[in-house]
PDB file of N, CA and C in Angstrom:
ATOM      1  N   MET A   1      70.913  -3.087 -30.394  1.00  0.00           N
ATOM      2  CA  MET A   1      71.777  -4.511 -29.713  1.00  0.00           C
ATOM      3  C   MET A   1      71.206  -4.517 -28.652  1.00  0.00           C
ATOM      4  N   GLU A   2      70.329  -6.066 -28.034  1.00  0.00           N
ATOM      5  CA  GLU A   2      69.309  -6.148 -26.909  1.00  0.00           C
ATOM      6  C   GLU A   2      70.088  -6.074 -26.110  1.00  0.00           C
ATOM      7  N   LYS A   3      69.944  -5.493 -24.765  1.00  0.00           N
ATOM      8  CA  LYS A   3      70.745  -5.869 -23.364  1.00  0.00           C
ATOM      9  C   LYS A   3      69.986  -7.288 -22.519  1.00  0.00           C
ATOM     10  N   ILE A   4      70.914  -8.206 -22.273  1.00  0.00           N
ATOM     11  CA  ILE A   4      70.289  -9.565 -21.642  1.00  0.00           C
ATOM     12  C   ILE A   4      70.158  -8.898 -19.946  1.00  0.00           C
ATOM     13  N   ARG A   5      69.121  -9.247 -18.467  1.00  0.00           N
ATOM     14  CA  ARG A   5      68.485  -8.727 -18.277  1.00  0.00           C
ATOM     15  C   ARG A   5      68.336  -9.952 -16.960  1.00  0.00           C
ATOM     16  N   THR A   6      69.250  -9.820 -16.111  1.00  0.00           N
ATOM     17  CA  THR A   6      68.668 -11.282 -14.943  1.00  0.00           C
ATOM     18  C   THR A   6      68.219 -11.455 -13.496  1.00  0.00           C
ATOM     19  N   VAL A   7      66.713 -11.170 -13.771  1.00  0.00           N
ATOM     20  CA  VAL A   7      66.980 -10.867 -11.665  1.00  0.00           C
ATOM     21  C   VAL A   7      66.538 -12.109 -11.330  1.00  0.00           C
ATOM     22  N   VAL A   8      66.979 -11.783 -10.464  1.00  0.00           N
ATOM     23  CA  VAL A   8      65.777 -13.355  -9.182  1.00  0.00           C
ATOM     24  C   VAL A   8      65.055 -12.111  -8.495  1.00  0.00           C
ATOM     25  N   SER A   9      63.655 -12.647  -8.740  1.00  0.00           N
ATOM     26  CA  SER A   9      62.271 -12.912  -7.931  1.00  0.00           C
ATOM     27  C   SER A   9      61.444 -14.082  -7.594  1.00  0.00           C
ATOM     28  N   ASN A  10      61.433 -13.709  -5.834  1.00  0.00           N
ATOM     29  CA  ASN A  10      61.036 -14.610  -4.792  1.00  0.00           C
ATOM     30  C   ASN A  10      61.250 -16.001  -5.447  1.00  0.00           C
ATOM     31  N   ASP A  11      62.650 -16.451  -4.664  1.00  0.00           N
ATOM     32  CA  ASP A  11      64.020 -17.687  -5.101  1.00  0.00           C
ATOM     33  C   ASP A  11      64.161 -17.677  -6.594  1.00  0.00           C
ATOM     34  N   GLU A  12      63.670 -17.256  -7.580  1.00  0.00           N
ATOM     35  CA  GLU A  12      63.166 -17.717  -9.580  1.00  0.00           C
ATOM     36  C   GLU A  12      64.225 -16.599  -9.568  1.00  0.00           C
ATOM     37  N   LEU A  13      64.607 -17.485 -10.905  1.00  0.00           N
ATOM     38  CA  LEU A  13      65.759 -16.960 -11.853  1.00  0.00           C
ATOM     39  C   LEU A  13      65.204 -16.577 -13.156  1.00  0.00           C
ATOM     40  N   MET A  14      64.813 -15.248 -13.447  1.00  0.00           N
ATOM     41  CA  MET A  14      63.922 -14.689 -14.620  1.00  0.00           C
ATOM     42  C   MET A  14      64.783 -13.798 -15.319  1.00  0.00           C
ATOM     43  N   THR A  15      65.454 -14.265 -16.777  1.00  0.00           N
ATOM     44  CA  THR A  15      65.778 -13.577 -17.807  1.00  0.00           C
ATOM     45  C   THR A  15      65.047 -12.660 -18.527  1.00  0.00           C
ATOM     46  N   TYR A  16      65.347 -11.741 -18.568  1.00  0.00           N
ATOM     47  CA  TYR A  16      64.848 -10.848 -20.119  1.00  0.00           C
ATOM     48  C   TYR A  16      65.430 -10.292 -21.077  1.00  0.00           C
ATOM     49  N   VAL A  17      64.679  -9.669 -21.899  1.00  0.00           N
ATOM     50  CA  VAL A  17      65.635  -8.396 -22.983  1.00  0.00           C
ATOM     51  C   VAL A  17      64.668  -7.783 -22.740  1.00  0.00           C
ATOM     52  N   GLU A  18      65.780  -6.832 -23.046  1.00  0.00           N
ATOM     53  CA  GLU A  18      65.402  -5.082 -23.052  1.00  0.00           C
ATOM     54  C   GLU A  18      65.575  -4.430 -24.331  1.00  0.00           C
ATOM     55  N   LYS A  19      64.128  -4.156 -25.111  1.00  0.00           N
ATOM     56  CA  LYS A  19      64.782  -3.341 -26.893  1.00  0.00           C
ATOM     57  C   LYS A  19      64.016  -2.575 -26.141  1.00  0.00           C
ATOM     58  N   GLY A  20      64.195  -1.596 -27.693  1.00  0.00           N
ATOM     59  CA  GLY A  20      64.219  -0.560 -28.147  1.00  0.00           C
ATOM     60  C   GLY A  20      63.218   0.602 -27.158  1.00  0.00           C
ATOM     61  N   LEU A  21      63.771   0.672 -25.741  1.00  0.00           N
ATOM     62  CA  LEU A  21      64.201   1.553 -24.834  1.00  0.00           C
ATOM     63  C   LEU A  21      64.235   3.135 -25.218  1.00  0.00           C
ATOM     64  N   ASP A  22      65.756   3.219 -26.000  1.00  0.00           N
ATOM     65  CA  ASP A  22      65.644   4.569 -26.356  1.00  0.00           C
ATOM     66  C   ASP A  22      64.404   5.014 -26.799  1.00  0.00           C
ATOM     67  N   ILE A  23      64.335   4.100 -27.963  1.00  0.00           N
ATOM     68  CA  ILE A  23      63.555   5.018 -29.087  1.00  0.00           C
ATOM     69  C   ILE A  23      62.185   4.978 -28.015  1.00  0.00           C
ATOM     70  N   ILE A  24      61.724   4.911 -27.437  1.00  0.00           N
ATOM     71  CA  ILE A  24      60.917   4.819 -26.448  1.00  0.00           C
ATOM     72  C   ILE A  24      61.448   7.026 -25.232  1.00  0.00           C
ATOM     73  N   VAL A  25      61.877   6.464 -24.800  1.00  0.00           N
ATOM     74  CA  VAL A  25      62.760   7.387 -24.641  1.00  0.00           C
ATOM     75  C   VAL A  25      62.516   9.120 -25.322  1.00  0.00           C
ATOM     76  N   ALA A  26      63.713   8.630 -25.839  1.00  0.00           N
ATOM     77  CA  ALA A  26      63.688   9.786 -27.478  1.00  0.00           C
ATOM     78  C   ALA A  26      61.920  10.650 -28.450  1.00  0.00           C
ATOM     79  N   VAL A  27      61.136   9.824 -28.261  1.00  0.00           N
ATOM     80  CA  VAL A  27      59.737  10.503 -27.966  1.00  0.00           C
ATOM     81  C   VAL A  27      58.969  11.119 -27.177  1.00  0.00           C
ATOM     82  N   ASP A  28      59.648  10.069 -25.839  1.00  0.00           N
ATOM     83  CA  ASP A  28      58.757  11.000 -25.105  1.00  0.00           C
ATOM     84  C   ASP A  28      59.409  12.497 -24.436  1.00  0.00           C
ATOM     85  N   MET A  29      60.508  12.278 -24.980  1.00  0.00           N
ATOM     86  CA  MET A  29      61.402  12.983 -25.219  1.00  0.00           C
ATOM     87  C   MET A  29      60.710  14.931 -25.461  1.00  0.00           C
ATOM     88  N   LEU A  30      60.535  14.224 -26.624  1.00  0.00           N
ATOM     89  CA  LEU A  30      60.669  15.673 -28.001  1.00  0.00           C
ATOM     90  C   LEU A  30      58.940  15.359 -28.102  1.00  0.00           C
ATOM     91  N   ILE A  31      57.866  14.439 -27.460  1.00  0.00           N
ATOM     92  CA  ILE A  31      56.618  14.686 -27.523  1.00  0.00           C
ATOM     93  C   ILE A  31      56.516  15.870 -25.804  1.00  0.00           C
ATOM     94  N   LEU A  32      57.561  15.983 -24.896  1.00  0.00           N
ATOM     95  CA  LEU A  32      56.573  17.026 -23.701  1.00  0.00           C
ATOM     96  C   LEU A  32      57.857  17.609 -23.892  1.00  0.00           C
ATOM     97  N   SER A  33      58.335  17.848 -24.824  1.00  0.00           N
ATOM     98  CA  SER A  33      59.640  19.163 -25.764  1.00  0.00           C
ATOM     99  C   SER A  33      58.427  19.978 -25.945  1.00  0.00           C
ATOM    100  N   VAL A  34      58.276  19.523 -27.066  1.00  0.00           N
ATOM    101  CA  VAL A  34      56.411  20.870 -28.515  1.00  0.00           C
ATOM    102  C   VAL A  34      55.865  20.778 -27.506  1.00  0.00           C
ATOM    103  N   GLN A  35      54.722  20.072 -26.039  1.00  0.00           N
ATOM    104  CA  GLN A  35      53.629  20.147 -25.628  1.00  0.00           C
ATOM    105  C   GLN A  35      54.384  20.701 -24.132  1.00  0.00           C
ATOM    106  N   ASN A  36      55.560  21.925 -24.265  1.00  0.00           N
ATOM    107  CA  ASN A  36      56.141  22.743 -23.300  1.00  0.00           C
ATOM    108  C   ASN A  36      56.012  21.608 -21.660  1.00  0.00           C
ATOM    109  N   GLU A  37      56.558  20.806 -21.319  1.00  0.00           N
ATOM    110  CA  GLU A  37      55.953  20.260 -20.250  1.00  0.00           C
ATOM    111  C   GLU A  37      57.156  20.131 -19.236  1.00  0.00           C
ATOM    112  N   TYR A  38      58.608  21.191 -19.964  1.00  0.00           N
ATOM    113  CA  TYR A  38      60.023  21.103 -19.165  1.00  0.00           C
ATOM    114  C   TYR A  38      60.670  22.212 -20.182  1.00  0.00           C
ATOM    115  N   ASP A  39      61.466  22.830 -19.427  1.00  0.00           N
ATOM    116  CA  ASP A  39      62.515  23.861 -19.342  1.00  0.00           C
ATOM    117  C   ASP A  39      63.240  22.992 -19.169  1.00  0.00           C
ATOM    118  N   THR A  40      64.011  21.837 -18.470  1.00  0.00           N
ATOM    119  CA  THR A  40      65.257  21.246 -18.876  1.00  0.00           C
ATOM    120  C   THR A  40      65.273  19.905 -18.947  1.00  0.00           C
ATOM    121  N   ALA A  41      65.863  19.096 -19.892  1.00  0.00           N
ATOM    122  CA  ALA A  41      66.367  17.592 -20.386  1.00  0.00           C
ATOM    123  C   ALA A  41      67.358  17.124 -19.449  1.00  0.00           C
ATOM    124  N   ILE A  42      67.360  16.496 -18.649  1.00  0.00           N
ATOM    125  CA  ILE A  42      68.394  15.875 -18.216  1.00  0.00           C
ATOM    126  C   ILE A  42      68.570  13.637 -18.506  1.00  0.00           C
ATOM    127  N   LEU A  43      69.770  13.863 -19.868  1.00  0.00           N
ATOM    128  CA  LEU A  43      69.265  12.395 -20.364  1.00  0.00           C
ATOM    129  C   LEU A  43      71.510  12.176 -19.560  1.00  0.00           C
ATOM    130  N   ILE A  44      71.063  10.854 -19.160  1.00  0.00           N
ATOM    131  CA  ILE A  44      72.159   9.929 -18.543  1.00  0.00           C
ATOM    132  C   ILE A  44      72.311   8.787 -19.397  1.00  0.00           C
ATOM    133  N   SER A  45      72.956   9.038 -20.011  1.00  0.00           N
ATOM    134  CA  SER A  45      73.827   7.830 -22.042  1.00  0.00           C
ATOM    135  C   SER A  45      74.997   8.501 -22.511  1.00  0.00           C
ATOM    136  N   GLY A  46      75.460   7.061 -22.224  1.00  0.00           N
ATOM    137  CA  GLY A  46      76.480   7.267 -23.307  1.00  0.00           C
ATOM    138  C   GLY A  46      76.107   6.413 -24.706  1.00  0.00           C
ATOM    139  N   ASP A  47      75.263   6.334 -25.039  1.00  0.00           N
ATOM    140  CA  ASP A  47      74.214   6.119 -26.580  1.00  0.00           C
ATOM    141  C   ASP A  47      74.641   7.290 -27.389  1.00  0.00           C
ATOM    142  N   SER A  48      74.656   6.948 -28.239  1.00  0.00           N
ATOM    143  CA  SER A  48      74.838   8.148 -29.636  1.00  0.00           C
ATOM    144  C   SER A  48      73.447   8.440 -30.496  1.00  0.00           C
ATOM    145  N   ASP A  49      72.763   7.293 -30.491  1.00  0.00           N
ATOM    146  CA  ASP A  49      71.472   7.251 -30.817  1.00  0.00           C
ATOM    147  C   ASP A  49      70.632   8.878 -30.471  1.00  0.00           C
ATOM    148  N   PHE A  50      70.751   9.096 -29.031  1.00  0.00           N
ATOM    149  CA  PHE A  50      70.269  10.669 -28.826  1.00  0.00           C
ATOM    150  C   PHE A  50      70.395  11.628 -30.179  1.00  0.00           C
ATOM    151  N   VAL A  51      71.266  11.059 -30.369  1.00  0.00           N
ATOM    152  CA  VAL A  51      72.046  13.148 -30.394  1.00  0.00           C
ATOM    153  C   VAL A  51      70.979  13.724 -31.072  1.00  0.00           C
ATOM    154  N   PRO A  52      70.481  12.872 -32.255  1.00  0.00           N
ATOM    155  CA  PRO A  52      69.119  13.444 -34.022  1.00  0.00           C
ATOM    156  C   PRO A  52      68.218  13.611 -32.726  1.00  0.00           C
ATOM    157  N   VAL A  53      67.353  13.339 -32.272  1.00  0.00           N
ATOM    158  CA  VAL A  53      65.786  14.127 -30.992  1.00  0.00           C
ATOM    159  C   VAL A  53      66.810  15.540 -30.411  1.00  0.00           C
ATOM    160  N   ILE A  54      67.896  15.382 -29.464  1.00  0.00           N
ATOM    161  CA  ILE A  54      68.282  16.365 -28.283  1.00  0.00           C
ATOM    162  C   ILE A  54      68.373  17.301 -29.810  1.00  0.00           C
ATOM    163  N   LYS A  55      68.632  17.411 -31.229  1.00  0.00           N
ATOM    164  CA  LYS A  55      69.274  18.715 -31.378  1.00  0.00           C
ATOM    165  C   LYS A  55      67.524  18.997 -32.046  1.00  0.00           C
ATOM    166  N   LYS A  56      66.323  18.227 -32.655  1.00  0.00           N
ATOM    167  CA  LYS A  56      65.600  18.720 -32.891  1.00  0.00           C
ATOM    168  C   LYS A  56      64.806  19.132 -30.879  1.00  0.00           C
ATOM    169  N   ILE A  57      65.397  18.881 -29.501  1.00  0.00           N
ATOM    170  CA  ILE A  57      65.004  19.516 -28.837  1.00  0.00           C
ATOM    171  C   ILE A  57      64.946  20.915 -29.007  1.00  0.00           C
ATOM    172  N   ARG A  58      66.584  20.368 -28.822  1.00  0.00           N
ATOM    173  CA  ARG A  58      67.221  22.102 -28.444  1.00  0.00           C
ATOM    174  C   ARG A  58      66.102  23.346 -29.914  1.00  0.00           C
ATOM    175  N   MET A  59      66.132  22.787 -30.697  1.00  0.00           N
ATOM    176  CA  MET A  59      65.210  24.140 -31.917  1.00  0.00           C
ATOM    177  C   MET A  59      64.159  23.765 -31.527  1.00  0.00           C
ATOM    178  N   ASN A  60      63.656  23.080 -30.159  1.00  0.00           N
ATOM    179  CA  ASN A  60      62.413  24.019 -29.465  1.00  0.00           C
ATOM    180  C   ASN A  60      62.505  24.406 -27.886  1.00  0.00           C
ATOM    181  N   LYS A  61      64.220  25.574 -27.816  1.00  0.00           N
ATOM    182  CA  LYS A  61      64.474  26.099 -27.172  1.00  0.00           C
ATOM    183  C   LYS A  61      64.303  25.488 -25.816  1.00  0.00           C
ATOM    184  N   LYS A  62      64.881  24.068 -26.043  1.00  0.00           N
ATOM    185  CA  LYS A  62      64.638  23.568 -24.432  1.00  0.00           C
ATOM    186  C   LYS A  62      66.318  23.541 -24.027  1.00  0.00           C
ATOM    187  N   LYS A  63      66.388  22.903 -23.112  1.00  0.00           N
ATOM    188  CA  LYS A  63      68.090  22.785 -22.329  1.00  0.00           C
ATOM    189  C   LYS A  63      68.056  20.988 -22.179  1.00  0.00           C
ATOM    190  N   VAL A  64      68.523  20.909 -22.664  1.00  0.00           N
ATOM    191  CA  VAL A  64      69.241  19.053 -22.796  1.00  0.00           C
ATOM    192  C   VAL A  64      70.781  19.413 -22.504  1.00  0.00           C
ATOM    193  N   GLN A  65      70.452  18.122 -20.725  1.00  0.00           N
ATOM    194  CA  GLN A  65      72.227  18.672 -20.350  1.00  0.00           C
ATOM    195  C   GLN A  65      72.184  16.644 -20.082  1.00  0.00           C
TER     196      GLN A  65
END
């Protein structure tokens, strides 16, 4: 689902569509866990699309909360 955002900047009304951010977050979390860049990741989301990446990160002995 595309998320439409509306922003007011310099008295102009701008609208943009937010796409693919969950994939970017998931890839960053996974890569950084493999590179041992963190011990614990804190993810705040109601999106069940993150479940597979969380399972993989936990396989790397990292905590995900």
